[in-house]
């Protein structure tokens, strides 16, 4: 009987699968990491324009563990990979659950999930990865969710409740009909910790950062997930009140990125190749065209898959993944969307 051992970066654990029927493939799309074969056990309409998928191993075996805030790469079509947060209770090891909003300006991913994926269909997904982890020893946690941004925060609420931690989940949506998990949240064991706000509801119950953003306190952490405008507003209010950057954690699903700018040179130190990156071209594209093996996934600077160490030069950061402090350090760059302020960048790739 064979065994496979995988280090799970999201949970800090070793995951071992015993047996000869491990459903693994080499990689998912362009992300380059190891992959799992799963089956779509259930597909349901979670709210207006939002579908929920339950994914499980074809043989019903346990899946690699994940921590609240984790996401998986999903190959919705060959060479079309998208990242979706896991929203279920991390204690559930027999399934992963994701929810997908049909984006009006979909680049193909959300449309394919809504229109093409069916129950019983086999999918390839990546192992859970986590760039949005909970601070386990926080005295209190305050969660701000905007729209589909509820997905990782729902998993966090399950985890915080299991820990017996003090927390409040603020959930903002345009209407109740567009609010995924609204009914589930009213029945959750932590329902008393949930506050929901709908744009079309009574004015007195509306969400207000002035009313609902607490004053900063030691050992209290903020978690924010949702559209870019929502993230920016919450972060701005938090900074105005004096919250420290280390207390603020956020994750964006999508962002609009521009590749416009003058051309520059990139030297791939490990590969020994120098390429010209033209206007409206990404570093990743230029390196790939030159035969350099690069890892990409979201192509919007939100997932961190393509993060590469900078050896020389000054990046022009255009991502939503790195913190302001990390951008100021100029030690790494997301090569799917960022550019250069210097004439040349030397990268460890």
C-alpha atoms as a PDB file:
ATOM      1  CA  UNK A   1       0.000   0.000   0.000  1.00  0.00           C
ATOM      2  CA  UNK A   2       1.460   3.341  -1.042  1.00  0.00           C
ATOM      3  CA  UNK A   3       1.363   6.647   0.809  1.00  0.00           C
ATOM      4  CA  UNK A   4       1.670  10.274  -0.219  1.00  0.00           C
ATOM      5  CA  UNK A   5       2.856  12.967   2.185  1.00  0.00           C
ATOM      6  CA  UNK A   6       2.098  16.621   1.483  1.00  0.00           C
ATOM      7  CA  UNK A   7       3.088  19.661   3.543  1.00  0.00           C
ATOM      8  CA  UNK A   8       0.024  21.881   3.905  1.00  0.00           C
ATOM      9  CA  UNK A   9       1.196  25.500   4.008  1.00  0.00           C
ATOM     10  CA  UNK A  10      -2.249  26.726   4.980  1.00  0.00           C
ATOM     11  CA  UNK A  11      -2.583  24.642   8.120  1.00  0.00           C
ATOM     12  CA  UNK A  12       1.025  24.112   9.071  1.00  0.00           C
ATOM     13  CA  UNK A  13       0.456  20.358   9.125  1.00  0.00           C
ATOM     14  CA  UNK A  14       1.727  17.291   7.373  1.00  0.00           C
ATOM     15  CA  UNK A  15      -1.056  15.575   5.445  1.00  0.00           C
ATOM     16  CA  UNK A  16      -0.599  11.897   4.673  1.00  0.00           C
ATOM     17  CA  UNK A  17      -2.880   9.847   2.448  1.00  0.00           C
ATOM     18  CA  UNK A  18      -2.528   6.102   2.794  1.00  0.00           C
ATOM     19  CA  UNK A  19      -3.561   3.833  -0.012  1.00  0.00           C
ATOM     20  CA  UNK A  20      -3.002   3.351  -3.702  1.00  0.00           C
ATOM     21  CA  UNK A  21      -5.984   5.343  -4.989  1.00  0.00           C
ATOM     22  CA  UNK A  22      -4.692   8.866  -4.251  1.00  0.00           C
ATOM     23  CA  UNK A  23      -6.446  11.101  -6.775  1.00  0.00           C
ATOM     24  CA  UNK A  24      -3.601  13.429  -7.698  1.00  0.00           C
ATOM     25  CA  UNK A  25      -2.371  14.962 -10.925  1.00  0.00           C
ATOM     26  CA  UNK A  26       0.801  16.885 -11.620  1.00  0.00           C
ATOM     27  CA  UNK A  27      -0.514  20.432 -11.652  1.00  0.00           C
ATOM     28  CA  UNK A  28      -3.495  22.703 -12.163  1.00  0.00           C
ATOM     29  CA  UNK A  29      -3.429  24.799 -15.323  1.00  0.00           C
ATOM     30  CA  UNK A  30      -0.719  27.440 -15.200  1.00  0.00           C
ATOM     31  CA  UNK A  31      -0.389  27.542 -11.421  1.00  0.00           C
ATOM     32  CA  UNK A  32       2.257  24.841 -11.457  1.00  0.00           C
ATOM     33  CA  UNK A  33       1.408  23.256  -8.092  1.00  0.00           C
ATOM     34  CA  UNK A  34       0.243  19.723  -7.303  1.00  0.00           C
ATOM     35  CA  UNK A  35      -3.406  19.024  -7.963  1.00  0.00           C
ATOM     36  CA  UNK A  36      -6.282  16.942  -6.685  1.00  0.00           C
ATOM     37  CA  UNK A  37      -9.039  15.271  -8.662  1.00  0.00           C
ATOM     38  CA  UNK A  38     -12.440  15.995  -7.122  1.00  0.00           C
ATOM     39  CA  UNK A  39     -16.045  15.515  -8.132  1.00  0.00           C
ATOM     40  CA  UNK A  40     -18.818  18.120  -8.023  1.00  0.00           C
ATOM     41  CA  UNK A  41     -21.094  16.446  -5.487  1.00  0.00           C
ATOM     42  CA  UNK A  42     -23.642  19.250  -5.351  1.00  0.00           C
ATOM     43  CA  UNK A  43     -24.298  22.485  -7.222  1.00  0.00           C
ATOM     44  CA  UNK A  44     -26.932  24.837  -5.847  1.00  0.00           C
ATOM     45  CA  UNK A  45     -28.127  28.422  -6.198  1.00  0.00           C
ATOM     46  CA  UNK A  46     -26.939  30.125  -3.032  1.00  0.00           C
ATOM     47  CA  UNK A  47     -28.333  33.586  -3.848  1.00  0.00           C
ATOM     48  CA  UNK A  48     -29.110  35.683  -6.886  1.00  0.00           C
ATOM     49  CA  UNK A  49     -26.193  35.196  -9.348  1.00  0.00           C
ATOM     50  CA  UNK A  50     -24.250  33.075  -6.828  1.00  0.00           C
ATOM     51  CA  UNK A  51     -23.822  29.307  -7.068  1.00  0.00           C
ATOM     52  CA  UNK A  52     -22.298  27.066  -4.443  1.00  0.00           C
ATOM     53  CA  UNK A  53     -20.307  23.934  -5.258  1.00  0.00           C
ATOM     54  CA  UNK A  54     -19.541  21.060  -2.926  1.00  0.00           C
ATOM     55  CA  UNK A  55     -16.400  19.190  -3.965  1.00  0.00           C
ATOM     56  CA  UNK A  56     -15.268  15.796  -2.677  1.00  0.00           C
ATOM     57  CA  UNK A  57     -12.773  13.075  -3.476  1.00  0.00           C
ATOM     58  CA  UNK A  58     -14.192  10.623  -6.039  1.00  0.00           C
ATOM     59  CA  UNK A  59     -13.728   7.756  -3.566  1.00  0.00           C
ATOM     60  CA  UNK A  60     -15.090   9.718  -0.597  1.00  0.00           C
ATOM     61  CA  UNK A  61     -11.702   9.833   1.137  1.00  0.00           C
ATOM     62  CA  UNK A  62     -10.636  12.700   3.379  1.00  0.00           C
ATOM     63  CA  UNK A  63      -9.259  15.750   1.627  1.00  0.00           C
ATOM     64  CA  UNK A  64      -6.125  17.639   2.723  1.00  0.00           C
ATOM     65  CA  UNK A  65      -6.956  19.851   5.731  1.00  0.00           C
ATOM     66  CA  UNK A  66      -7.378  23.590   5.370  1.00  0.00           C
ATOM     67  CA  UNK A  67      -7.452  26.575   7.677  1.00  0.00           C
ATOM     68  CA  UNK A  68     -10.054  29.345   7.625  1.00  0.00           C
ATOM     69  CA  UNK A  69      -9.201  31.907   4.942  1.00  0.00           C
ATOM     70  CA  UNK A  70      -7.774  29.340   2.516  1.00  0.00           C
ATOM     71  CA  UNK A  71      -8.593  29.157  -1.178  1.00  0.00           C
ATOM     72  CA  UNK A  72      -8.105  26.621  -3.961  1.00  0.00           C
ATOM     73  CA  UNK A  73      -7.217  26.971  -7.606  1.00  0.00           C
ATOM     74  CA  UNK A  74      -9.984  25.480  -9.745  1.00  0.00           C
ATOM     75  CA  UNK A  75      -9.400  24.474 -13.357  1.00  0.00           C
ATOM     76  CA  UNK A  76     -12.833  25.338 -14.722  1.00  0.00           C
ATOM     77  CA  UNK A  77     -11.608  24.621 -18.260  1.00  0.00           C
ATOM     78  CA  UNK A  78      -8.203  23.481 -19.530  1.00  0.00           C
ATOM     79  CA  UNK A  79      -5.797  26.409 -19.044  1.00  0.00           C
ATOM     80  CA  UNK A  80      -8.532  28.474 -17.343  1.00  0.00           C
ATOM     81  CA  UNK A  81      -7.755  28.562 -13.624  1.00  0.00           C
ATOM     82  CA  UNK A  82      -9.513  30.687 -11.022  1.00  0.00           C
ATOM     83  CA  UNK A  83      -9.146  31.013  -7.247  1.00  0.00           C
ATOM     84  CA  UNK A  84     -12.135  30.502  -4.943  1.00  0.00           C
ATOM     85  CA  UNK A  85     -12.193  30.718  -1.154  1.00  0.00           C
ATOM     86  CA  UNK A  86     -13.351  27.768   0.931  1.00  0.00           C
ATOM     87  CA  UNK A  87     -16.357  28.792   3.011  1.00  0.00           C
ATOM     88  CA  UNK A  88     -17.176  25.655   4.966  1.00  0.00           C
ATOM     89  CA  UNK A  89     -16.186  24.796   8.516  1.00  0.00           C
ATOM     90  CA  UNK A  90     -12.504  23.714   8.423  1.00  0.00           C
ATOM     91  CA  UNK A  91     -13.371  20.756  10.635  1.00  0.00           C
ATOM     92  CA  UNK A  92     -15.086  19.160   7.610  1.00  0.00           C
ATOM     93  CA  UNK A  93     -12.390  17.044   6.001  1.00  0.00           C
ATOM     94  CA  UNK A  94     -14.582  15.190   3.524  1.00  0.00           C
ATOM     95  CA  UNK A  95     -15.512  18.180   1.369  1.00  0.00           C
ATOM     96  CA  UNK A  96     -14.537  21.613   0.106  1.00  0.00           C
ATOM     97  CA  UNK A  97     -17.241  24.209  -0.487  1.00  0.00           C
ATOM     98  CA  UNK A  98     -16.868  27.257  -2.709  1.00  0.00           C
ATOM     99  CA  UNK A  99     -19.304  29.928  -3.890  1.00  0.00           C
ATOM    100  CA  UNK A 100     -18.971  31.840  -7.157  1.00  0.00           C
ATOM    101  CA  UNK A 101     -20.560  35.137  -8.176  1.00  0.00           C
ATOM    102  CA  UNK A 102     -21.426  35.494 -11.856  1.00  0.00           C
ATOM    103  CA  UNK A 103     -19.441  38.596 -12.766  1.00  0.00           C
ATOM    104  CA  UNK A 104     -21.075  40.874 -15.379  1.00  0.00           C
ATOM    105  CA  UNK A 105     -17.638  41.402 -16.923  1.00  0.00           C
ATOM    106  CA  UNK A 106     -16.552  37.795 -16.520  1.00  0.00           C
ATOM    107  CA  UNK A 107     -13.259  36.864 -18.188  1.00  0.00           C
ATOM    108  CA  UNK A 108     -14.616  33.345 -18.547  1.00  0.00           C
ATOM    109  CA  UNK A 109     -14.158  31.821 -15.110  1.00  0.00           C
ATOM    110  CA  UNK A 110     -17.379  32.649 -13.306  1.00  0.00           C
ATOM    111  CA  UNK A 111     -19.427  32.184 -16.484  1.00  0.00           C
ATOM    112  CA  UNK A 112     -17.976  28.700 -16.959  1.00  0.00           C
ATOM    113  CA  UNK A 113     -18.729  27.751 -13.341  1.00  0.00           C
ATOM    114  CA  UNK A 114     -22.337  28.913 -13.647  1.00  0.00           C
ATOM    115  CA  UNK A 115     -23.091  27.592 -17.119  1.00  0.00           C
ATOM    116  CA  UNK A 116     -20.832  24.601 -17.706  1.00  0.00           C
ATOM    117  CA  UNK A 117     -20.064  22.776 -14.467  1.00  0.00           C
ATOM    118  CA  UNK A 118     -22.467  19.977 -13.547  1.00  0.00           C
ATOM    119  CA  UNK A 119     -23.032  17.661 -10.604  1.00  0.00           C
ATOM    120  CA  UNK A 120     -21.027  14.490 -11.065  1.00  0.00           C
ATOM    121  CA  UNK A 121     -18.353  16.254 -13.115  1.00  0.00           C
ATOM    122  CA  UNK A 122     -14.681  15.657 -12.334  1.00  0.00           C
ATOM    123  CA  UNK A 123     -12.492  18.709 -11.712  1.00  0.00           C
ATOM    124  CA  UNK A 124      -8.851  19.342 -11.017  1.00  0.00           C
ATOM    125  CA  UNK A 125      -8.127  21.707  -8.145  1.00  0.00           C
ATOM    126  CA  UNK A 126      -5.014  22.826  -6.325  1.00  0.00           C
ATOM    127  CA  UNK A 127      -4.212  22.059  -2.705  1.00  0.00           C
ATOM    128  CA  UNK A 128      -5.556  24.684  -0.288  1.00  0.00           C
ATOM    129  CA  UNK A 129      -3.369  27.769   0.054  1.00  0.00           C
ATOM    130  CA  UNK A 130      -3.787  30.495   2.632  1.00  0.00           C
ATOM    131  CA  UNK A 131      -2.725  34.129   2.371  1.00  0.00           C
ATOM    132  CA  UNK A 132      -5.482  35.278   4.748  1.00  0.00           C
ATOM    133  CA  UNK A 133      -4.960  33.505   8.035  1.00  0.00           C
ATOM    134  CA  UNK A 134      -6.541  34.209  11.396  1.00  0.00           C
ATOM    135  CA  UNK A 135      -4.443  35.455  14.290  1.00  0.00           C
ATOM    136  CA  UNK A 136      -5.106  32.580  16.684  1.00  0.00           C
ATOM    137  CA  UNK A 137      -4.314  34.460  19.880  1.00  0.00           C
ATOM    138  CA  UNK A 138      -6.299  37.616  19.141  1.00  0.00           C
ATOM    139  CA  UNK A 139      -8.375  38.860  22.062  1.00  0.00           C
ATOM    140  CA  UNK A 140     -11.129  39.841  19.620  1.00  0.00           C
ATOM    141  CA  UNK A 141     -11.715  39.707  15.854  1.00  0.00           C
ATOM    142  CA  UNK A 142     -13.871  42.012  13.720  1.00  0.00           C
ATOM    143  CA  UNK A 143     -14.840  40.714  10.273  1.00  0.00           C
ATOM    144  CA  UNK A 144     -16.074  42.961   7.437  1.00  0.00           C
ATOM    145  CA  UNK A 145     -17.572  41.204   4.389  1.00  0.00           C
ATOM    146  CA  UNK A 146     -18.774  42.900   1.228  1.00  0.00           C
ATOM    147  CA  UNK A 147     -20.902  40.804  -1.146  1.00  0.00           C
ATOM    148  CA  UNK A 148     -19.207  37.589  -2.234  1.00  0.00           C
ATOM    149  CA  UNK A 149     -16.390  38.502   0.171  1.00  0.00           C
ATOM    150  CA  UNK A 150     -18.398  36.638   2.801  1.00  0.00           C
ATOM    151  CA  UNK A 151     -16.920  33.307   1.645  1.00  0.00           C
ATOM    152  CA  UNK A 152     -13.581  33.206   3.524  1.00  0.00           C
ATOM    153  CA  UNK A 153     -15.056  35.132   6.444  1.00  0.00           C
ATOM    154  CA  UNK A 154     -17.771  32.515   6.903  1.00  0.00           C
ATOM    155  CA  UNK A 155     -15.079  29.863   7.356  1.00  0.00           C
ATOM    156  CA  UNK A 156     -13.380  32.227   9.821  1.00  0.00           C
ATOM    157  CA  UNK A 157     -16.617  32.604  11.780  1.00  0.00           C
ATOM    158  CA  UNK A 158     -16.913  28.820  12.080  1.00  0.00           C
ATOM    159  CA  UNK A 159     -13.316  28.596  13.257  1.00  0.00           C
ATOM    160  CA  UNK A 160     -13.580  31.484  15.732  1.00  0.00           C
ATOM    161  CA  UNK A 161     -16.749  29.990  17.192  1.00  0.00           C
ATOM    162  CA  UNK A 162     -14.998  26.645  17.581  1.00  0.00           C
ATOM    163  CA  UNK A 163     -12.137  28.341  19.403  1.00  0.00           C
ATOM    164  CA  UNK A 164     -14.604  30.120  21.678  1.00  0.00           C
ATOM    165  CA  UNK A 165     -13.206  33.487  20.504  1.00  0.00           C
ATOM    166  CA  UNK A 166     -14.930  36.855  20.750  1.00  0.00           C
ATOM    167  CA  UNK A 167     -15.823  38.177  17.281  1.00  0.00           C
ATOM    168  CA  UNK A 168     -18.334  40.169  15.244  1.00  0.00           C
ATOM    169  CA  UNK A 169     -19.091  39.547  11.574  1.00  0.00           C
ATOM    170  CA  UNK A 170     -20.410  42.562   9.630  1.00  0.00           C
ATOM    171  CA  UNK A 171     -21.920  41.467   6.290  1.00  0.00           C
ATOM    172  CA  UNK A 172     -22.925  44.042   3.652  1.00  0.00           C
ATOM    173  CA  UNK A 173     -24.896  43.182   0.499  1.00  0.00           C
ATOM    174  CA  UNK A 174     -26.971  45.082  -2.023  1.00  0.00           C
ATOM    175  CA  UNK A 175     -30.132  43.134  -1.237  1.00  0.00           C
ATOM    176  CA  UNK A 176     -31.034  40.122   0.866  1.00  0.00           C
ATOM    177  CA  UNK A 177     -31.703  38.185  -2.342  1.00  0.00           C
ATOM    178  CA  UNK A 178     -28.075  38.792  -3.388  1.00  0.00           C
ATOM    179  CA  UNK A 179     -26.638  37.877   0.017  1.00  0.00           C
ATOM    180  CA  UNK A 180     -25.122  34.397  -0.051  1.00  0.00           C
ATOM    181  CA  UNK A 181     -25.618  32.406   3.159  1.00  0.00           C
ATOM    182  CA  UNK A 182     -28.063  34.941   4.658  1.00  0.00           C
ATOM    183  CA  UNK A 183     -30.420  32.208   5.834  1.00  0.00           C
ATOM    184  CA  UNK A 184     -27.547  29.997   6.950  1.00  0.00           C
ATOM    185  CA  UNK A 185     -26.127  32.835   9.052  1.00  0.00           C
ATOM    186  CA  UNK A 186     -29.423  33.350  10.881  1.00  0.00           C
ATOM    187  CA  UNK A 187     -29.322  29.658  11.911  1.00  0.00           C
ATOM    188  CA  UNK A 188     -25.592  29.440  12.629  1.00  0.00           C
ATOM    189  CA  UNK A 189     -24.407  28.620  16.159  1.00  0.00           C
ATOM    190  CA  UNK A 190     -22.724  32.042  16.122  1.00  0.00           C
ATOM    191  CA  UNK A 191     -25.784  33.957  14.807  1.00  0.00           C
ATOM    192  CA  UNK A 192     -25.625  36.402  17.734  1.00  0.00           C
ATOM    193  CA  UNK A 193     -22.239  37.561  16.456  1.00  0.00           C
ATOM    194  CA  UNK A 194     -23.524  38.372  12.944  1.00  0.00           C
ATOM    195  CA  UNK A 195     -24.751  41.765  11.716  1.00  0.00           C
ATOM    196  CA  UNK A 196     -26.243  41.984   8.216  1.00  0.00           C
ATOM    197  CA  UNK A 197     -26.854  45.175   6.230  1.00  0.00           C
ATOM    198  CA  UNK A 198     -28.684  45.544   2.923  1.00  0.00           C
ATOM    199  CA  UNK A 199     -28.550  48.623   0.687  1.00  0.00           C
ATOM    200  CA  UNK A 200     -32.282  48.423   0.002  1.00  0.00           C
ATOM    201  CA  UNK A 201     -33.203  48.040   3.693  1.00  0.00           C
ATOM    202  CA  UNK A 202     -34.335  50.684   6.185  1.00  0.00           C
ATOM    203  CA  UNK A 203     -31.869  53.542   6.533  1.00  0.00           C
ATOM    204  CA  UNK A 204     -31.481  52.977  10.262  1.00  0.00           C
ATOM    205  CA  UNK A 205     -30.118  49.460   9.696  1.00  0.00           C
ATOM    206  CA  UNK A 206     -27.629  50.501   7.015  1.00  0.00           C
ATOM    207  CA  UNK A 207     -23.912  49.903   7.290  1.00  0.00           C
ATOM    208  CA  UNK A 208     -21.828  52.868   8.401  1.00  0.00           C
ATOM    209  CA  UNK A 209     -18.089  52.772   8.927  1.00  0.00           C
ATOM    210  CA  UNK A 210     -18.428  55.666  11.358  1.00  0.00           C
ATOM    211  CA  UNK A 211     -20.769  53.593  13.533  1.00  0.00           C
ATOM    212  CA  UNK A 212     -19.487  50.082  12.999  1.00  0.00           C
ATOM    213  CA  UNK A 213     -15.705  50.465  12.847  1.00  0.00           C
ATOM    214  CA  UNK A 214     -14.424  50.112  16.435  1.00  0.00           C
ATOM    215  CA  UNK A 215     -11.608  52.118  17.932  1.00  0.00           C
ATOM    216  CA  UNK A 216      -8.242  50.335  17.808  1.00  0.00           C
ATOM    217  CA  UNK A 217      -7.310  48.119  20.732  1.00  0.00           C
ATOM    218  CA  UNK A 218      -4.360  45.918  21.501  1.00  0.00           C
ATOM    219  CA  UNK A 219      -4.698  42.270  20.432  1.00  0.00           C
ATOM    220  CA  UNK A 220      -7.788  43.017  18.300  1.00  0.00           C
ATOM    221  CA  UNK A 221      -7.634  42.204  14.565  1.00  0.00           C
ATOM    222  CA  UNK A 222      -9.692  43.325  11.550  1.00  0.00           C
ATOM    223  CA  UNK A 223     -10.417  41.067   8.560  1.00  0.00           C
ATOM    224  CA  UNK A 224     -11.805  42.517   5.327  1.00  0.00           C
ATOM    225  CA  UNK A 225     -12.900  40.814   2.128  1.00  0.00           C
ATOM    226  CA  UNK A 226     -14.969  42.075  -0.782  1.00  0.00           C
ATOM    227  CA  UNK A 227     -14.817  44.326  -3.846  1.00  0.00           C
ATOM    228  CA  UNK A 228     -11.831  46.637  -4.190  1.00  0.00           C
ATOM    229  CA  UNK A 229     -13.853  49.753  -3.328  1.00  0.00           C
ATOM    230  CA  UNK A 230     -15.198  48.134  -0.161  1.00  0.00           C
ATOM    231  CA  UNK A 231     -11.707  47.073   0.908  1.00  0.00           C
ATOM    232  CA  UNK A 232     -10.291  50.515   0.276  1.00  0.00           C
ATOM    233  CA  UNK A 233     -13.048  52.245   2.267  1.00  0.00           C
ATOM    234  CA  UNK A 234     -12.718  49.954   5.288  1.00  0.00           C
ATOM    235  CA  UNK A 235      -8.925  50.123   5.289  1.00  0.00           C
ATOM    236  CA  UNK A 236      -8.991  53.902   4.962  1.00  0.00           C
ATOM    237  CA  UNK A 237     -11.335  54.253   7.916  1.00  0.00           C
ATOM    238  CA  UNK A 238      -9.231  51.869   9.986  1.00  0.00           C
ATOM    239  CA  UNK A 239      -6.059  53.807   9.220  1.00  0.00           C
ATOM    240  CA  UNK A 240      -7.789  57.082  10.076  1.00  0.00           C
ATOM    241  CA  UNK A 241      -8.712  55.708  13.499  1.00  0.00           C
ATOM    242  CA  UNK A 242      -5.161  54.581  14.114  1.00  0.00           C
ATOM    243  CA  UNK A 243      -5.311  50.830  13.519  1.00  0.00           C
ATOM    244  CA  UNK A 244      -1.838  49.399  12.950  1.00  0.00           C
ATOM    245  CA  UNK A 245      -1.098  47.656   9.662  1.00  0.00           C
ATOM    246  CA  UNK A 246      -0.288  44.413  11.486  1.00  0.00           C
ATOM    247  CA  UNK A 247      -3.852  44.344  12.868  1.00  0.00           C
ATOM    248  CA  UNK A 248      -5.529  44.705   9.451  1.00  0.00           C
ATOM    249  CA  UNK A 249      -5.885  41.682   7.162  1.00  0.00           C
ATOM    250  CA  UNK A 250      -7.601  41.815   3.775  1.00  0.00           C
ATOM    251  CA  UNK A 251      -8.142  39.819   0.624  1.00  0.00           C
ATOM    252  CA  UNK A 252      -9.429  41.000  -2.752  1.00  0.00           C
ATOM    253  CA  UNK A 253     -11.102  38.726  -5.284  1.00  0.00           C
ATOM    254  CA  UNK A 254     -10.590  40.829  -8.377  1.00  0.00           C
ATOM    255  CA  UNK A 255      -9.075  44.134  -9.308  1.00  0.00           C
ATOM    256  CA  UNK A 256      -8.655  46.144 -12.465  1.00  0.00           C
ATOM    257  CA  UNK A 257      -4.996  46.278 -13.438  1.00  0.00           C
ATOM    258  CA  UNK A 258      -3.272  48.288 -16.133  1.00  0.00           C
ATOM    259  CA  UNK A 259      -0.120  47.120 -17.873  1.00  0.00           C
ATOM    260  CA  UNK A 260       0.414  50.482 -19.554  1.00  0.00           C
ATOM    261  CA  UNK A 261       3.855  52.030 -19.292  1.00  0.00           C
ATOM    262  CA  UNK A 262       7.200  52.396 -20.997  1.00  0.00           C
ATOM    263  CA  UNK A 263       9.191  49.312 -21.853  1.00  0.00           C
ATOM    264  CA  UNK A 264      11.965  48.025 -19.599  1.00  0.00           C
ATOM    265  CA  UNK A 265      14.377  45.123 -19.301  1.00  0.00           C
ATOM    266  CA  UNK A 266      14.047  42.079 -17.075  1.00  0.00           C
ATOM    267  CA  UNK A 267      16.993  39.805 -16.419  1.00  0.00           C
ATOM    268  CA  UNK A 268      16.058  36.330 -15.207  1.00  0.00           C
ATOM    269  CA  UNK A 269      19.124  35.602 -13.073  1.00  0.00           C
ATOM    270  CA  UNK A 270      18.558  31.877 -12.607  1.00  0.00           C
ATOM    271  CA  UNK A 271      17.675  31.317 -16.267  1.00  0.00           C
ATOM    272  CA  UNK A 272      20.375  33.599 -17.686  1.00  0.00           C
ATOM    273  CA  UNK A 273      17.893  35.333 -20.006  1.00  0.00           C
ATOM    274  CA  UNK A 274      17.248  39.054 -20.493  1.00  0.00           C
ATOM    275  CA  UNK A 275      13.986  40.168 -22.111  1.00  0.00           C
ATOM    276  CA  UNK A 276      12.412  43.436 -23.145  1.00  0.00           C
ATOM    277  CA  UNK A 277       8.982  43.970 -21.561  1.00  0.00           C
ATOM    278  CA  UNK A 278       6.945  46.110 -23.918  1.00  0.00           C
ATOM    279  CA  UNK A 279       4.101  48.489 -23.239  1.00  0.00           C
ATOM    280  CA  UNK A 280       0.857  46.641 -22.423  1.00  0.00           C
ATOM    281  CA  UNK A 281       2.830  43.439 -21.801  1.00  0.00           C
ATOM    282  CA  UNK A 282       3.326  41.707 -18.462  1.00  0.00           C
ATOM    283  CA  UNK A 283       6.676  40.508 -17.177  1.00  0.00           C
ATOM    284  CA  UNK A 284       5.229  37.001 -17.054  1.00  0.00           C
ATOM    285  CA  UNK A 285       4.217  37.171 -20.697  1.00  0.00           C
ATOM    286  CA  UNK A 286       7.628  38.415 -21.813  1.00  0.00           C
ATOM    287  CA  UNK A 287       9.457  35.735 -19.837  1.00  0.00           C
ATOM    288  CA  UNK A 288       7.140  32.971 -21.064  1.00  0.00           C
ATOM    289  CA  UNK A 289       7.656  34.066 -24.673  1.00  0.00           C
ATOM    290  CA  UNK A 290      11.419  33.786 -24.075  1.00  0.00           C
ATOM    291  CA  UNK A 291      11.069  30.229 -22.795  1.00  0.00           C
ATOM    292  CA  UNK A 292      11.331  30.915 -19.063  1.00  0.00           C
ATOM    293  CA  UNK A 293       9.070  28.714 -16.930  1.00  0.00           C
ATOM    294  CA  UNK A 294       6.895  31.029 -14.815  1.00  0.00           C
ATOM    295  CA  UNK A 295       4.005  30.326 -12.437  1.00  0.00           C
ATOM    296  CA  UNK A 296       0.849  32.388 -12.825  1.00  0.00           C
ATOM    297  CA  UNK A 297      -2.801  31.971 -11.943  1.00  0.00           C
ATOM    298  CA  UNK A 298      -5.100  34.966 -11.371  1.00  0.00           C
ATOM    299  CA  UNK A 299      -3.197  37.408 -13.645  1.00  0.00           C
ATOM    300  CA  UNK A 300      -4.635  40.285 -11.594  1.00  0.00           C
ATOM    301  CA  UNK A 301      -2.169  40.520  -8.733  1.00  0.00           C
ATOM    302  CA  UNK A 302      -4.436  39.097  -6.044  1.00  0.00           C
ATOM    303  CA  UNK A 303      -3.358  35.490  -5.455  1.00  0.00           C
ATOM    304  CA  UNK A 304       0.431  35.638  -5.005  1.00  0.00           C
ATOM    305  CA  UNK A 305       1.191  32.610  -7.201  1.00  0.00           C
ATOM    306  CA  UNK A 306       3.655  34.549  -9.363  1.00  0.00           C
ATOM    307  CA  UNK A 307       5.437  36.339  -6.512  1.00  0.00           C
ATOM    308  CA  UNK A 308       9.132  36.548  -7.430  1.00  0.00           C
ATOM    309  CA  UNK A 309      12.166  37.816  -5.513  1.00  0.00           C
ATOM    310  CA  UNK A 310      13.731  41.069  -6.765  1.00  0.00           C
ATOM    311  CA  UNK A 311      17.547  41.061  -6.843  1.00  0.00           C
ATOM    312  CA  UNK A 312      18.105  44.489  -8.419  1.00  0.00           C
ATOM    313  CA  UNK A 313      15.981  47.395  -9.608  1.00  0.00           C
ATOM    314  CA  UNK A 314      12.840  49.165  -8.431  1.00  0.00           C
ATOM    315  CA  UNK A 315       9.417  47.581  -9.087  1.00  0.00           C
ATOM    316  CA  UNK A 316       6.271  49.485  -9.990  1.00  0.00           C
ATOM    317  CA  UNK A 317       3.819  47.551  -7.792  1.00  0.00           C
ATOM    318  CA  UNK A 318       0.306  47.265  -9.234  1.00  0.00           C
ATOM    319  CA  UNK A 319      -0.991  44.300  -7.246  1.00  0.00           C
ATOM    320  CA  UNK A 320      -3.435  43.906  -4.363  1.00  0.00           C
ATOM    321  CA  UNK A 321      -1.458  41.075  -2.773  1.00  0.00           C
ATOM    322  CA  UNK A 322       1.539  42.721  -1.127  1.00  0.00           C
ATOM    323  CA  UNK A 323       1.100  44.987   1.871  1.00  0.00           C
ATOM    324  CA  UNK A 324       2.233  48.623   1.723  1.00  0.00           C
ATOM    325  CA  UNK A 325       5.247  47.692   3.845  1.00  0.00           C
ATOM    326  CA  UNK A 326       6.171  44.832   1.524  1.00  0.00           C
ATOM    327  CA  UNK A 327       5.830  47.080  -1.506  1.00  0.00           C
ATOM    328  CA  UNK A 328       8.063  49.688   0.102  1.00  0.00           C
ATOM    329  CA  UNK A 329      10.712  47.030   0.766  1.00  0.00           C
ATOM    330  CA  UNK A 330      10.832  46.195  -2.986  1.00  0.00           C
ATOM    331  CA  UNK A 331      12.056  42.688  -2.165  1.00  0.00           C
ATOM    332  CA  UNK A 332       9.491  40.893  -4.333  1.00  0.00           C
ATOM    333  CA  UNK A 333       7.126  41.531  -7.229  1.00  0.00           C
ATOM    334  CA  UNK A 334       3.989  40.010  -8.744  1.00  0.00           C
ATOM    335  CA  UNK A 335       5.119  39.480 -12.319  1.00  0.00           C
ATOM    336  CA  UNK A 336       1.608  39.013 -13.704  1.00  0.00           C
ATOM    337  CA  UNK A 337       0.734  42.725 -13.449  1.00  0.00           C
ATOM    338  CA  UNK A 338       3.495  44.852 -11.908  1.00  0.00           C
ATOM    339  CA  UNK A 339       6.110  46.715 -13.892  1.00  0.00           C
ATOM    340  CA  UNK A 340       9.410  48.574 -13.278  1.00  0.00           C
ATOM    341  CA  UNK A 341      10.347  52.091 -12.277  1.00  0.00           C
ATOM    342  CA  UNK A 342      13.992  51.436 -13.135  1.00  0.00           C
ATOM    343  CA  UNK A 343      15.278  50.651 -16.607  1.00  0.00           C
ATOM    344  CA  UNK A 344      16.121  47.079 -15.589  1.00  0.00           C
ATOM    345  CA  UNK A 345      14.860  44.558 -13.043  1.00  0.00           C
ATOM    346  CA  UNK A 346      16.888  41.526 -12.055  1.00  0.00           C
ATOM    347  CA  UNK A 347      14.652  38.728 -10.773  1.00  0.00           C
ATOM    348  CA  UNK A 348      15.414  35.442  -9.053  1.00  0.00           C
ATOM    349  CA  UNK A 349      13.794  33.231 -11.644  1.00  0.00           C
END
